[in-house]
Amino acid sequence: MQWMRAAQLRFLSLIGLSICTMIYLVCGIFYQVEQFSQYQVFVKQQVRAENGTIDESYLTSITSVPSPYMNSQFFNSNTFLIYWASILLVASLIAWWTRNKSLLSDSDKRNTFPFEQ
């Protein structure tokens, strides 16, 4: 937030930044979901190739969320960038919102009659 305020970005810059980060977040999340499902299939194929026929419940358990096999899919560069893009999106939206509020309050003060102040 401090960086956003110090940069004093214009209205169109804030809107452009917000749109770009939203696009990245949507694309990054879809990419992450697709990579996760492909990696699940890969791990299942590797375990079957090494051990032959294995119980499906075991394969599901090792390719589910809390499994150490899947940690690389939860903590990678894309998830790091998604995290920072979400912070940037929230900061730009807050900067845009507070900028609009301050502009409205300043314009309200200028448009009032002297006896109303």
C-alpha atoms as a PDB file:
ATOM      1  CA  MET A   1       0.000   0.000   0.000  1.00  0.00           C
ATOM      2  CA  GLN A   2       2.789   2.412   0.829  1.00  0.00           C
ATOM      3  CA  TRP A   3       4.418   1.751  -2.520  1.00  0.00           C
ATOM      4  CA  MET A   4       1.112   2.368  -4.299  1.00  0.00           C
ATOM      5  CA  ARG A   5       0.586   5.646  -2.503  1.00  0.00           C
ATOM      6  CA  ALA A   6       4.201   6.745  -3.029  1.00  0.00           C
ATOM      7  CA  ALA A   7       3.986   5.990  -6.748  1.00  0.00           C
ATOM      8  CA  GLN A   8       0.827   8.104  -7.037  1.00  0.00           C
ATOM      9  CA  LEU A   9      -0.459   6.033  -9.924  1.00  0.00           C
ATOM     10  CA  ARG A  10      -3.116   7.585 -12.080  1.00  0.00           C
ATOM     11  CA  PHE A  11      -6.621   6.226 -12.298  1.00  0.00           C
ATOM     12  CA  LEU A  12      -6.055   4.431 -15.623  1.00  0.00           C
ATOM     13  CA  SER A  13      -2.792   2.966 -14.360  1.00  0.00           C
ATOM     14  CA  LEU A  14      -4.539   1.514 -11.310  1.00  0.00           C
ATOM     15  CA  ILE A  15      -7.323   0.079 -13.458  1.00  0.00           C
ATOM     16  CA  GLY A  16      -4.775  -1.372 -15.907  1.00  0.00           C
ATOM     17  CA  LEU A  17      -2.748  -2.865 -13.074  1.00  0.00           C
ATOM     18  CA  SER A  18      -5.879  -4.394 -11.550  1.00  0.00           C
ATOM     19  CA  ILE A  19      -6.998  -5.888 -14.870  1.00  0.00           C
ATOM     20  CA  CYS A  20      -3.539  -7.306 -15.629  1.00  0.00           C
ATOM     21  CA  THR A  21      -3.226  -8.916 -12.214  1.00  0.00           C
ATOM     22  CA  MET A  22      -6.748 -10.370 -12.465  1.00  0.00           C
ATOM     23  CA  ILE A  23      -5.896 -11.877 -15.850  1.00  0.00           C
ATOM     24  CA  TYR A  24      -2.678 -13.339 -14.457  1.00  0.00           C
ATOM     25  CA  LEU A  25      -4.488 -14.745 -11.420  1.00  0.00           C
ATOM     26  CA  VAL A  26      -7.148 -16.456 -13.533  1.00  0.00           C
ATOM     27  CA  CYS A  27      -4.597 -17.868 -15.993  1.00  0.00           C
ATOM     28  CA  GLY A  28      -2.181 -18.840 -13.213  1.00  0.00           C
ATOM     29  CA  ILE A  29      -4.844 -20.664 -11.225  1.00  0.00           C
ATOM     30  CA  PHE A  30      -6.120 -22.535 -14.296  1.00  0.00           C
ATOM     31  CA  TYR A  31      -2.537 -23.464 -15.179  1.00  0.00           C
ATOM     32  CA  GLN A  32      -1.880 -24.647 -11.624  1.00  0.00           C
ATOM     33  CA  VAL A  33      -5.007 -26.813 -11.561  1.00  0.00           C
ATOM     34  CA  GLU A  34      -4.116 -28.357 -14.923  1.00  0.00           C
ATOM     35  CA  GLN A  35      -0.526 -29.048 -13.861  1.00  0.00           C
ATOM     36  CA  PHE A  36      -1.761 -30.581 -10.604  1.00  0.00           C
ATOM     37  CA  SER A  37      -4.054 -33.009 -12.421  1.00  0.00           C
ATOM     38  CA  GLN A  38      -1.299 -33.930 -14.912  1.00  0.00           C
ATOM     39  CA  TYR A  39       1.134 -34.520 -12.066  1.00  0.00           C
ATOM     40  CA  GLN A  40      -1.402 -36.733 -10.283  1.00  0.00           C
ATOM     41  CA  VAL A  41      -1.656 -38.900 -13.401  1.00  0.00           C
ATOM     42  CA  PHE A  42       2.144 -38.979 -13.704  1.00  0.00           C
ATOM     43  CA  VAL A  43       2.622 -40.093 -10.070  1.00  0.00           C
ATOM     44  CA  LYS A  44      -0.035 -42.786 -10.452  1.00  0.00           C
ATOM     45  CA  GLN A  45       1.665 -44.097 -13.603  1.00  0.00           C
ATOM     46  CA  GLN A  46       5.077 -44.131 -11.920  1.00  0.00           C
ATOM     47  CA  VAL A  47       3.797 -46.028  -8.873  1.00  0.00           C
ATOM     48  CA  ARG A  48       1.996 -48.556 -11.083  1.00  0.00           C
ATOM     49  CA  ALA A  49       5.119 -49.014 -13.217  1.00  0.00           C
ATOM     50  CA  GLU A  50       7.308 -49.649 -10.164  1.00  0.00           C
ATOM     51  CA  ASN A  51       4.936 -51.813  -8.142  1.00  0.00           C
ATOM     52  CA  GLY A  52       2.555 -53.329 -10.671  1.00  0.00           C
ATOM     53  CA  THR A  53      -1.133 -53.328  -9.765  1.00  0.00           C
ATOM     54  CA  ILE A  54      -1.913 -51.225  -6.708  1.00  0.00           C
ATOM     55  CA  ASP A  55      -5.080 -50.427  -4.814  1.00  0.00           C
ATOM     56  CA  GLU A  56      -6.848 -47.315  -6.156  1.00  0.00           C
ATOM     57  CA  SER A  57      -7.466 -45.978  -2.637  1.00  0.00           C
ATOM     58  CA  TYR A  58      -3.712 -46.012  -2.031  1.00  0.00           C
ATOM     59  CA  LEU A  59      -3.095 -44.125  -5.284  1.00  0.00           C
ATOM     60  CA  THR A  60      -5.744 -41.583  -4.337  1.00  0.00           C
ATOM     61  CA  SER A  61      -4.221 -41.136  -0.882  1.00  0.00           C
ATOM     62  CA  ILE A  62      -0.711 -40.459  -2.184  1.00  0.00           C
ATOM     63  CA  THR A  63      -1.943 -38.006  -4.826  1.00  0.00           C
ATOM     64  CA  SER A  64      -4.284 -36.058  -2.578  1.00  0.00           C
ATOM     65  CA  VAL A  65      -3.632 -32.668  -1.020  1.00  0.00           C
ATOM     66  CA  PRO A  66      -1.607 -33.493   2.149  1.00  0.00           C
ATOM     67  CA  SER A  67       0.698 -35.980   0.415  1.00  0.00           C
ATOM     68  CA  PRO A  68       4.478 -35.370   0.243  1.00  0.00           C
ATOM     69  CA  TYR A  69       4.366 -36.575  -3.385  1.00  0.00           C
ATOM     70  CA  MET A  70       2.341 -33.494  -4.305  1.00  0.00           C
ATOM     71  CA  ASN A  71       4.296 -30.814  -2.389  1.00  0.00           C
ATOM     72  CA  SER A  72       6.050 -29.598  -5.533  1.00  0.00           C
ATOM     73  CA  GLN A  73       2.653 -28.687  -6.938  1.00  0.00           C
ATOM     74  CA  PHE A  74       1.704 -26.566  -3.946  1.00  0.00           C
ATOM     75  CA  PHE A  75       4.965 -24.709  -3.402  1.00  0.00           C
ATOM     76  CA  ASN A  76       6.447 -23.680  -6.734  1.00  0.00           C
ATOM     77  CA  SER A  77       7.242 -20.483  -8.612  1.00  0.00           C
ATOM     78  CA  ASN A  78       3.734 -20.179 -10.066  1.00  0.00           C
ATOM     79  CA  THR A  79       2.076 -20.318  -6.649  1.00  0.00           C
ATOM     80  CA  PHE A  80       4.595 -17.744  -5.410  1.00  0.00           C
ATOM     81  CA  LEU A  81       3.672 -15.423  -8.291  1.00  0.00           C
ATOM     82  CA  ILE A  82      -0.041 -16.030  -7.683  1.00  0.00           C
ATOM     83  CA  TYR A  83       0.490 -15.021  -4.058  1.00  0.00           C
ATOM     84  CA  TRP A  84       2.257 -11.766  -5.019  1.00  0.00           C
ATOM     85  CA  ALA A  85      -0.250 -11.009  -7.782  1.00  0.00           C
ATOM     86  CA  SER A  86      -3.110 -11.345  -5.311  1.00  0.00           C
ATOM     87  CA  ILE A  87      -1.354  -8.943  -2.926  1.00  0.00           C
ATOM     88  CA  LEU A  88      -0.785  -6.501  -5.783  1.00  0.00           C
ATOM     89  CA  LEU A  89      -4.416  -6.788  -6.875  1.00  0.00           C
ATOM     90  CA  VAL A  90      -5.745  -6.098  -3.394  1.00  0.00           C
ATOM     91  CA  ALA A  91      -3.350  -3.171  -2.930  1.00  0.00           C
ATOM     92  CA  SER A  92      -4.296  -1.623  -6.267  1.00  0.00           C
ATOM     93  CA  LEU A  93      -8.013  -2.028  -5.558  1.00  0.00           C
ATOM     94  CA  ILE A  94      -7.617  -0.438  -2.122  1.00  0.00           C
ATOM     95  CA  ALA A  95      -5.563   2.393  -3.607  1.00  0.00           C
ATOM     96  CA  TRP A  96      -8.193   2.908  -6.296  1.00  0.00           C
ATOM     97  CA  TRP A  97     -11.031   2.801  -3.749  1.00  0.00           C
ATOM     98  CA  THR A  98      -9.384   5.220  -1.312  1.00  0.00           C
ATOM     99  CA  ARG A  99      -8.380   7.488  -4.176  1.00  0.00           C
ATOM    100  CA  ASN A 100     -11.995   7.704  -5.343  1.00  0.00           C
ATOM    101  CA  LYS A 101     -13.196   8.324  -1.799  1.00  0.00           C
ATOM    102  CA  SER A 102     -10.678  11.128  -1.241  1.00  0.00           C
ATOM    103  CA  LEU A 103     -11.492  12.708  -4.604  1.00  0.00           C
ATOM    104  CA  LEU A 104     -15.192  12.593  -3.796  1.00  0.00           C
ATOM    105  CA  SER A 105     -14.701  14.085  -0.361  1.00  0.00           C
ATOM    106  CA  ASP A 106     -12.504  16.883  -1.782  1.00  0.00           C
ATOM    107  CA  SER A 107     -15.033  17.688  -4.488  1.00  0.00           C
ATOM    108  CA  ASP A 108     -17.857  17.667  -1.941  1.00  0.00           C
ATOM    109  CA  LYS A 109     -16.006  20.218   0.174  1.00  0.00           C
ATOM    110  CA  ARG A 110     -15.494  22.524  -2.817  1.00  0.00           C
ATOM    111  CA  ASN A 111     -19.130  22.363  -3.933  1.00  0.00           C
ATOM    112  CA  THR A 112     -20.698  23.278  -0.591  1.00  0.00           C
ATOM    113  CA  PHE A 113     -21.942  26.718   0.234  1.00  0.00           C
ATOM    114  CA  PRO A 114     -19.902  28.773   2.717  1.00  0.00           C
ATOM    115  CA  PHE A 115     -22.640  28.705   5.340  1.00  0.00           C
ATOM    116  CA  GLU A 116     -22.754  24.875   5.281  1.00  0.00           C
ATOM    117  CA  GLN A 117     -19.089  24.446   6.232  1.00  0.00           C
END
